[in-house]
């Protein structure tokens, strides 16, 4: 599916998720990156919907951060997986 078919807000979230993955040296964009980006996005409907559903947002963000920290990372200089995190 082409990214142009997504809403502009979701395209922005994907871009933010990609930046997050790159910044943390993760080799791929994972659902955790996307959900975190959608929660943090200004003007998104995700945060209000989650609040309305009774989700504890600080706890969710903490869980997402922990999950993202456990994802594989690329080595900085070599571009190979850092086996300590795999």
PDB file of N, CA and C in Angstrom:
ATOM      1  N   UNK A   1       0.843  -1.179   0.000  1.00  0.00           N
ATOM      2  CA  UNK A   1       0.000   0.000   0.000  1.00  0.00           C
ATOM      3  C   UNK A   1       0.891   1.246   0.000  1.00  0.00           C
ATOM      4  N   UNK A   2       0.524   2.208  -0.778  1.00  0.00           N
ATOM      5  CA  UNK A   2       1.281   3.447  -0.894  1.00  0.00           C
ATOM      6  C   UNK A   2       1.009   4.350   0.308  1.00  0.00           C
ATOM      7  N   UNK A   3       2.071   4.988   0.809  1.00  0.00           N
ATOM      8  CA  UNK A   3       1.926   5.865   1.969  1.00  0.00           C
ATOM      9  C   UNK A   3       1.042   7.072   1.649  1.00  0.00           C
ATOM     10  N   UNK A   4       0.936   7.429   0.372  1.00  0.00           N
ATOM     11  CA  UNK A   4       0.099   8.565  -0.015  1.00  0.00           C
ATOM     12  C   UNK A   4      -1.380   8.321   0.266  1.00  0.00           C
ATOM     13  N   UNK A   5      -1.755   7.054   0.454  1.00  0.00           N
ATOM     14  CA  UNK A   5      -3.157   6.729   0.733  1.00  0.00           C
ATOM     15  C   UNK A   5      -3.518   6.923   2.205  1.00  0.00           C
ATOM     16  N   UNK A   6      -2.495   7.123   3.056  1.00  0.00           N
ATOM     17  CA  UNK A   6      -2.748   7.361   4.470  1.00  0.00           C
ATOM     18  C   UNK A   6      -3.079   8.828   4.700  1.00  0.00           C
ATOM     19  N   UNK A   7      -3.714   9.127   5.840  1.00  0.00           N
ATOM     20  CA  UNK A   7      -3.990  10.519   6.177  1.00  0.00           C
ATOM     21  C   UNK A   7      -2.677  11.250   6.414  1.00  0.00           C
ATOM     22  N   UNK A   8      -2.729  12.570   6.322  1.00  0.00           N
ATOM     23  CA  UNK A   8      -1.512  13.353   6.537  1.00  0.00           C
ATOM     24  C   UNK A   8      -1.003  13.184   7.961  1.00  0.00           C
ATOM     25  N   UNK A   9      -1.894  13.050   8.927  1.00  0.00           N
ATOM     26  CA  UNK A   9      -1.485  12.844  10.316  1.00  0.00           C
ATOM     27  C   UNK A   9      -0.751  11.518  10.474  1.00  0.00           C
ATOM     28  N   UNK A  10      -1.249  10.466   9.822  1.00  0.00           N
ATOM     29  CA  UNK A  10      -0.588   9.175   9.935  1.00  0.00           C
ATOM     30  C   UNK A  10       0.754   9.199   9.202  1.00  0.00           C
ATOM     31  N   UNK A  11       0.827   9.892   8.086  1.00  0.00           N
ATOM     32  CA  UNK A  11       2.105  10.037   7.383  1.00  0.00           C
ATOM     33  C   UNK A  11       3.124  10.736   8.286  1.00  0.00           C
ATOM     34  N   UNK A  12       2.678  11.768   9.009  1.00  0.00           N
ATOM     35  CA  UNK A  12       3.549  12.470   9.945  1.00  0.00           C
ATOM     36  C   UNK A  12       4.005  11.521  11.054  1.00  0.00           C
ATOM     37  N   UNK A  13       3.092  10.718  11.566  1.00  0.00           N
ATOM     38  CA  UNK A  13       3.428   9.764  12.630  1.00  0.00           C
ATOM     39  C   UNK A  13       4.455   8.743  12.141  1.00  0.00           C
ATOM     40  N   UNK A  14       4.299   8.277  10.917  1.00  0.00           N
ATOM     41  CA  UNK A  14       5.267   7.330  10.354  1.00  0.00           C
ATOM     42  C   UNK A  14       6.649   7.993  10.240  1.00  0.00           C
ATOM     43  N   UNK A  15       6.663   9.242   9.808  1.00  0.00           N
ATOM     44  CA  UNK A  15       7.929   9.974   9.723  1.00  0.00           C
ATOM     45  C   UNK A  15       8.584  10.137  11.088  1.00  0.00           C
ATOM     46  N   UNK A  16       7.776  10.446  12.096  1.00  0.00           N
ATOM     47  CA  UNK A  16       8.299  10.581  13.458  1.00  0.00           C
ATOM     48  C   UNK A  16       8.786   9.236  13.989  1.00  0.00           C
ATOM     49  N   UNK A  17       8.046   8.171  13.689  1.00  0.00           N
ATOM     50  CA  UNK A  17       8.456   6.821  14.100  1.00  0.00           C
ATOM     51  C   UNK A  17       9.782   6.451  13.453  1.00  0.00           C
ATOM     52  N   UNK A  18       9.950   6.815  12.186  1.00  0.00           N
ATOM     53  CA  UNK A  18      11.202   6.539  11.488  1.00  0.00           C
ATOM     54  C   UNK A  18      12.356   7.299  12.137  1.00  0.00           C
ATOM     55  N   UNK A  19      12.131   8.558  12.467  1.00  0.00           N
ATOM     56  CA  UNK A  19      13.167   9.354  13.135  1.00  0.00           C
ATOM     57  C   UNK A  19      13.530   8.753  14.489  1.00  0.00           C
ATOM     58  N   UNK A  20      12.505   8.290  15.217  1.00  0.00           N
ATOM     59  CA  UNK A  20      12.741   7.673  16.511  1.00  0.00           C
ATOM     60  C   UNK A  20      13.581   6.403  16.360  1.00  0.00           C
ATOM     61  N   UNK A  21      13.226   5.567  15.390  1.00  0.00           N
ATOM     62  CA  UNK A  21      13.968   4.323  15.156  1.00  0.00           C
ATOM     63  C   UNK A  21      15.414   4.624  14.769  1.00  0.00           C
ATOM     64  N   UNK A  22      15.608   5.578  13.878  1.00  0.00           N
ATOM     65  CA  UNK A  22      16.961   5.952  13.470  1.00  0.00           C
ATOM     66  C   UNK A  22      17.766   6.508  14.634  1.00  0.00           C
ATOM     67  N   UNK A  23      17.124   7.351  15.437  1.00  0.00           N
ATOM     68  CA  UNK A  23      17.798   7.952  16.584  1.00  0.00           C
ATOM     69  C   UNK A  23      18.224   6.933  17.624  1.00  0.00           C
ATOM     70  N   UNK A  24      17.490   5.848  17.711  1.00  0.00           N
ATOM     71  CA  UNK A  24      17.808   4.789  18.681  1.00  0.00           C
ATOM     72  C   UNK A  24      18.582   3.645  18.033  1.00  0.00           C
ATOM     73  N   UNK A  25      18.967   3.838  16.784  1.00  0.00           N
ATOM     74  CA  UNK A  25      19.751   2.845  16.039  1.00  0.00           C
ATOM     75  C   UNK A  25      19.006   1.523  15.840  1.00  0.00           C
ATOM     76  N   UNK A  26      17.669   1.564  15.820  1.00  0.00           N
ATOM     77  CA  UNK A  26      16.892   0.361  15.536  1.00  0.00           C
ATOM     78  C   UNK A  26      16.866   0.144  14.031  1.00  0.00           C
ATOM     79  N   UNK A  27      17.069  -1.098  13.566  1.00  0.00           N
ATOM     80  CA  UNK A  27      17.153  -1.351  12.126  1.00  0.00           C
ATOM     81  C   UNK A  27      15.816  -1.252  11.398  1.00  0.00           C
ATOM     82  N   UNK A  28      14.713  -1.341  12.127  1.00  0.00           N
ATOM     83  CA  UNK A  28      13.389  -1.272  11.494  1.00  0.00           C
ATOM     84  C   UNK A  28      12.449  -0.422  12.333  1.00  0.00           C
ATOM     85  N   UNK A  29      11.406   0.062  11.696  1.00  0.00           N
ATOM     86  CA  UNK A  29      10.345   0.770  12.404  1.00  0.00           C
ATOM     87  C   UNK A  29       9.384  -0.294  12.922  1.00  0.00           C
ATOM     88  N   UNK A  30       9.162  -0.290  14.221  1.00  0.00           N
ATOM     89  CA  UNK A  30       8.286  -1.277  14.848  1.00  0.00           C
ATOM     90  C   UNK A  30       6.978  -0.621  15.288  1.00  0.00           C
ATOM     91  N   UNK A  31       5.941  -1.416  15.548  1.00  0.00           N
ATOM     92  CA  UNK A  31       4.669  -0.856  16.012  1.00  0.00           C
ATOM     93  C   UNK A  31       4.825   0.035  17.251  1.00  0.00           C
ATOM     94  N   UNK A  32       5.777  -0.293  18.106  1.00  0.00           N
ATOM     95  CA  UNK A  32       6.016   0.517  19.302  1.00  0.00           C
ATOM     96  C   UNK A  32       6.433   1.939  18.931  1.00  0.00           C
ATOM     97  N   UNK A  33       7.274   2.075  17.901  1.00  0.00           N
ATOM     98  CA  UNK A  33       7.679   3.405  17.437  1.00  0.00           C
ATOM     99  C   UNK A  33       6.462   4.182  16.924  1.00  0.00           C
ATOM    100  N   UNK A  34       5.629   3.496  16.153  1.00  0.00           N
ATOM    101  CA  UNK A  34       4.465   4.152  15.553  1.00  0.00           C
ATOM    102  C   UNK A  34       3.472   4.581  16.630  1.00  0.00           C
ATOM    103  N   UNK A  35       3.184   3.693  17.578  1.00  0.00           N
ATOM    104  CA  UNK A  35       2.231   4.051  18.633  1.00  0.00           C
ATOM    105  C   UNK A  35       2.761   5.205  19.473  1.00  0.00           C
ATOM    106  N   UNK A  36       4.046   5.187  19.799  1.00  0.00           N
ATOM    107  CA  UNK A  36       4.628   6.282  20.575  1.00  0.00           C
ATOM    108  C   UNK A  36       4.506   7.595  19.806  1.00  0.00           C
ATOM    109  N   UNK A  37       4.794   7.562  18.522  1.00  0.00           N
ATOM    110  CA  UNK A  37       4.682   8.768  17.700  1.00  0.00           C
ATOM    111  C   UNK A  37       3.235   9.266  17.649  1.00  0.00           C
ATOM    112  N   UNK A  38       2.291   8.342  17.547  1.00  0.00           N
ATOM    113  CA  UNK A  38       0.880   8.733  17.488  1.00  0.00           C
ATOM    114  C   UNK A  38       0.405   9.317  18.816  1.00  0.00           C
ATOM    115  N   UNK A  39       0.919   8.785  19.916  1.00  0.00           N
ATOM    116  CA  UNK A  39       0.553   9.320  21.232  1.00  0.00           C
ATOM    117  C   UNK A  39       1.121  10.722  21.416  1.00  0.00           C
ATOM    118  N   UNK A  40       2.348  10.944  20.957  1.00  0.00           N
ATOM    119  CA  UNK A  40       3.028  12.224  21.150  1.00  0.00           C
ATOM    120  C   UNK A  40       2.624  13.296  20.146  1.00  0.00           C
ATOM    121  N   UNK A  41       1.945  12.908  19.089  1.00  0.00           N
ATOM    122  CA  UNK A  41       1.618  13.837  18.005  1.00  0.00           C
ATOM    123  C   UNK A  41       0.582  14.871  18.434  1.00  0.00           C
ATOM    124  N   UNK A  42       0.895  16.135  18.185  1.00  0.00           N
ATOM    125  CA  UNK A  42      -0.046  17.218  18.463  1.00  0.00           C
ATOM    126  C   UNK A  42      -1.238  17.136  17.501  1.00  0.00           C
ATOM    127  N   UNK A  43      -2.431  17.295  18.012  1.00  0.00           N
ATOM    128  CA  UNK A  43      -3.626  17.293  17.182  1.00  0.00           C
ATOM    129  C   UNK A  43      -4.106  15.916  16.772  1.00  0.00           C
ATOM    130  N   UNK A  44      -3.461  14.888  17.289  1.00  0.00           N
ATOM    131  CA  UNK A  44      -3.866  13.519  16.957  1.00  0.00           C
ATOM    132  C   UNK A  44      -5.110  13.140  17.746  1.00  0.00           C
ATOM    133  N   UNK A  45      -5.901  12.272  17.181  1.00  0.00           N
ATOM    134  CA  UNK A  45      -7.083  11.778  17.897  1.00  0.00           C
ATOM    135  C   UNK A  45      -6.744  10.566  18.758  1.00  0.00           C
ATOM    136  N   UNK A  46      -5.544  10.044  18.648  1.00  0.00           N
ATOM    137  CA  UNK A  46      -5.165   8.826  19.368  1.00  0.00           C
ATOM    138  C   UNK A  46      -5.137   9.047  20.871  1.00  0.00           C
ATOM    139  N   UNK A  47      -4.464  10.094  21.317  1.00  0.00           N
ATOM    140  CA  UNK A  47      -4.363  10.350  22.755  1.00  0.00           C
ATOM    141  C   UNK A  47      -5.731  10.525  23.405  1.00  0.00           C
ATOM    142  N   UNK A  48      -6.632  11.359  22.856  1.00  0.00           N
ATOM    143  CA  UNK A  48      -7.960  11.471  23.460  1.00  0.00           C
ATOM    144  C   UNK A  48      -8.744  10.149  23.452  1.00  0.00           C
ATOM    145  N   UNK A  49      -8.608   9.379  22.383  1.00  0.00           N
ATOM    146  CA  UNK A  49      -9.312   8.095  22.333  1.00  0.00           C
ATOM    147  C   UNK A  49      -8.798   7.132  23.398  1.00  0.00           C
ATOM    148  N   UNK A  50      -7.484   7.095  23.581  1.00  0.00           N
ATOM    149  CA  UNK A  50      -6.914   6.224  24.602  1.00  0.00           C
ATOM    150  C   UNK A  50      -7.345   6.674  26.004  1.00  0.00           C
ATOM    151  N   UNK A  51      -7.347   7.982  26.234  1.00  0.00           N
ATOM    152  CA  UNK A  51      -7.805   8.495  27.537  1.00  0.00           C
ATOM    153  C   UNK A  51      -9.254   8.116  27.778  1.00  0.00           C
ATOM    154  N   UNK A  52     -10.087   8.288  26.752  1.00  0.00           N
ATOM    155  CA  UNK A  52     -11.511   7.965  26.872  1.00  0.00           C
ATOM    156  C   UNK A  52     -11.708   6.471  27.152  1.00  0.00           C
ATOM    157  N   UNK A  53     -10.802   5.647  26.633  1.00  0.00           N
ATOM    158  CA  UNK A  53     -10.888   4.203  26.859  1.00  0.00           C
ATOM    159  C   UNK A  53     -10.328   3.805  28.226  1.00  0.00           C
ATOM    160  N   UNK A  54      -9.820   4.782  28.969  1.00  0.00           N
ATOM    161  CA  UNK A  54      -9.323   4.507  30.308  1.00  0.00           C
ATOM    162  C   UNK A  54      -7.878   4.064  30.369  1.00  0.00           C
ATOM    163  N   UNK A  55      -7.130   4.282  29.299  1.00  0.00           N
ATOM    164  CA  UNK A  55      -5.727   3.884  29.260  1.00  0.00           C
ATOM    165  C   UNK A  55      -4.901   4.859  30.100  1.00  0.00           C
ATOM    166  N   UNK A  56      -4.019   4.319  30.916  1.00  0.00           N
ATOM    167  CA  UNK A  56      -3.088   5.119  31.694  1.00  0.00           C
ATOM    168  C   UNK A  56      -1.934   5.488  30.764  1.00  0.00           C
ATOM    169  N   UNK A  57      -1.963   6.705  30.218  1.00  0.00           N
ATOM    170  CA  UNK A  57      -0.977   7.113  29.211  1.00  0.00           C
ATOM    171  C   UNK A  57       0.464   7.142  29.730  1.00  0.00           C
ATOM    172  N   UNK A  58       0.726   7.654  30.938  1.00  0.00           N
ATOM    173  CA  UNK A  58       2.118   7.594  31.416  1.00  0.00           C
ATOM    174  C   UNK A  58       2.623   6.151  31.532  1.00  0.00           C
ATOM    175  N   UNK A  59       1.785   5.253  31.984  1.00  0.00           N
ATOM    176  CA  UNK A  59       2.185   3.854  32.094  1.00  0.00           C
ATOM    177  C   UNK A  59       2.405   3.247  30.709  1.00  0.00           C
ATOM    178  N   UNK A  60       1.536   3.572  29.751  1.00  0.00           N
ATOM    179  CA  UNK A  60       1.695   3.077  28.387  1.00  0.00           C
ATOM    180  C   UNK A  60       2.995   3.585  27.781  1.00  0.00           C
ATOM    181  N   UNK A  61       3.280   4.874  27.949  1.00  0.00           N
ATOM    182  CA  UNK A  61       4.529   5.447  27.417  1.00  0.00           C
ATOM    183  C   UNK A  61       5.736   4.759  28.039  1.00  0.00           C
ATOM    184  N   UNK A  62       5.682   4.520  29.340  1.00  0.00           N
ATOM    185  CA  UNK A  62       6.776   3.836  30.024  1.00  0.00           C
ATOM    186  C   UNK A  62       6.972   2.423  29.470  1.00  0.00           C
ATOM    187  N   UNK A  63       5.880   1.706  29.282  1.00  0.00           N
ATOM    188  CA  UNK A  63       5.951   0.346  28.728  1.00  0.00           C
ATOM    189  C   UNK A  63       6.496   0.361  27.307  1.00  0.00           C
ATOM    190  N   UNK A  64       6.064   1.335  26.518  1.00  0.00           N
ATOM    191  CA  UNK A  64       6.564   1.451  25.146  1.00  0.00           C
ATOM    192  C   UNK A  64       8.058   1.744  25.135  1.00  0.00           C
ATOM    193  N   UNK A  65       8.497   2.652  26.010  1.00  0.00           N
ATOM    194  CA  UNK A  65       9.931   2.965  26.092  1.00  0.00           C
ATOM    195  C   UNK A  65      10.737   1.733  26.466  1.00  0.00           C
ATOM    196  N   UNK A  66      10.253   0.968  27.431  1.00  0.00           N
ATOM    197  CA  UNK A  66      10.948  -0.259  27.832  1.00  0.00           C
ATOM    198  C   UNK A  66      11.026  -1.235  26.665  1.00  0.00           C
ATOM    199  N   UNK A  67       9.926  -1.366  25.947  1.00  0.00           N
ATOM    200  CA  UNK A  67       9.880  -2.274  24.801  1.00  0.00           C
ATOM    201  C   UNK A  67      10.838  -1.819  23.703  1.00  0.00           C
ATOM    202  N   UNK A  68      10.861  -0.537  23.434  1.00  0.00           N
ATOM    203  CA  UNK A  68      11.753   0.009  22.409  1.00  0.00           C
ATOM    204  C   UNK A  68      13.208  -0.177  22.819  1.00  0.00           C
ATOM    205  N   UNK A  69      13.514  -0.026  24.098  1.00  0.00           N
ATOM    206  CA  UNK A  69      14.885  -0.214  24.574  1.00  0.00           C
ATOM    207  C   UNK A  69      15.365  -1.650  24.384  1.00  0.00           C
ATOM    208  N   UNK A  70      14.440  -2.601  24.342  1.00  0.00           N
ATOM    209  CA  UNK A  70      14.810  -4.013  24.157  1.00  0.00           C
ATOM    210  C   UNK A  70      14.962  -4.402  22.689  1.00  0.00           C
ATOM    211  N   UNK A  71      14.604  -3.514  21.776  1.00  0.00           N
ATOM    212  CA  UNK A  71      14.708  -3.828  20.351  1.00  0.00           C
ATOM    213  C   UNK A  71      16.174  -3.911  19.923  1.00  0.00           C
ATOM    214  N   UNK A  72      16.456  -4.705  18.891  1.00  0.00           N
ATOM    215  CA  UNK A  72      17.836  -4.784  18.383  1.00  0.00           C
ATOM    216  C   UNK A  72      18.324  -3.417  17.919  1.00  0.00           C
ATOM    217  N   UNK A  73      19.623  -3.225  18.036  1.00  0.00           N
ATOM    218  CA  UNK A  73      20.245  -1.977  17.604  1.00  0.00           C
ATOM    219  C   UNK A  73      21.359  -2.286  16.624  1.00  0.00           C
ATOM    220  N   UNK A  74      21.594  -1.341  15.738  1.00  0.00           N
ATOM    221  CA  UNK A  74      22.719  -1.446  14.814  1.00  0.00           C
ATOM    222  C   UNK A  74      23.959  -0.883  15.490  1.00  0.00           C
ATOM    223  N   UNK A  75      25.123  -1.470  15.174  1.00  0.00           N
ATOM    224  CA  UNK A  75      26.370  -0.911  15.671  1.00  0.00           C
ATOM    225  C   UNK A  75      26.621   0.430  15.000  1.00  0.00           C
ATOM    226  N   UNK A  76      27.108   1.390  15.725  1.00  0.00           N
ATOM    227  CA  UNK A  76      27.310   2.743  15.191  1.00  0.00           C
ATOM    228  C   UNK A  76      28.314   2.779  14.053  1.00  0.00           C
ATOM    229  N   UNK A  77      29.479   2.235  14.252  1.00  0.00           N
ATOM    230  CA  UNK A  77      30.532   2.366  13.240  1.00  0.00           C
ATOM    231  C   UNK A  77      30.433   1.303  12.155  1.00  0.00           C
ATOM    232  N   UNK A  78      29.954   0.124  12.512  1.00  0.00           N
ATOM    233  CA  UNK A  78      30.023  -0.978  11.567  1.00  0.00           C
ATOM    234  C   UNK A  78      28.725  -1.247  10.829  1.00  0.00           C
ATOM    235  N   UNK A  79      27.588  -0.792  11.371  1.00  0.00           N
ATOM    236  CA  UNK A  79      26.311  -1.075  10.734  1.00  0.00           C
ATOM    237  C   UNK A  79      25.842  -2.497  10.960  1.00  0.00           C
ATOM    238  N   UNK A  80      26.405  -3.185  11.963  1.00  0.00           N
ATOM    239  CA  UNK A  80      25.966  -4.543  12.274  1.00  0.00           C
ATOM    240  C   UNK A  80      25.162  -4.515  13.564  1.00  0.00           C
ATOM    241  N   UNK A  81      24.422  -5.600  13.818  1.00  0.00           N
ATOM    242  CA  UNK A  81      23.621  -5.680  15.018  1.00  0.00           C
ATOM    243  C   UNK A  81      24.511  -5.676  16.259  1.00  0.00           C
ATOM    244  N   UNK A  82      24.060  -4.961  17.270  1.00  0.00           N
ATOM    245  CA  UNK A  82      24.704  -4.993  18.568  1.00  0.00           C
ATOM    246  C   UNK A  82      24.128  -6.197  19.302  1.00  0.00           C
ATOM    247  N   UNK A  83      24.891  -7.268  19.413  1.00  0.00           N
ATOM    248  CA  UNK A  83      24.394  -8.535  19.947  1.00  0.00           C
ATOM    249  C   UNK A  83      24.078  -8.466  21.420  1.00  0.00           C
ATOM    250  N   UNK A  84      24.496  -7.426  22.100  1.00  0.00           N
ATOM    251  CA  UNK A  84      24.154  -7.301  23.513  1.00  0.00           C
ATOM    252  C   UNK A  84      22.671  -7.038  23.704  1.00  0.00           C
ATOM    253  N   UNK A  85      21.987  -6.499  22.691  1.00  0.00           N
ATOM    254  CA  UNK A  85      20.577  -6.152  22.829  1.00  0.00           C
ATOM    255  C   UNK A  85      19.668  -7.103  22.086  1.00  0.00           C
ATOM    256  N   UNK A  86      20.208  -8.075  21.382  1.00  0.00           N
ATOM    257  CA  UNK A  86      19.381  -9.004  20.608  1.00  0.00           C
ATOM    258  C   UNK A  86      18.931 -10.137  21.487  1.00  0.00           C
TER     259      UNK A  86
END
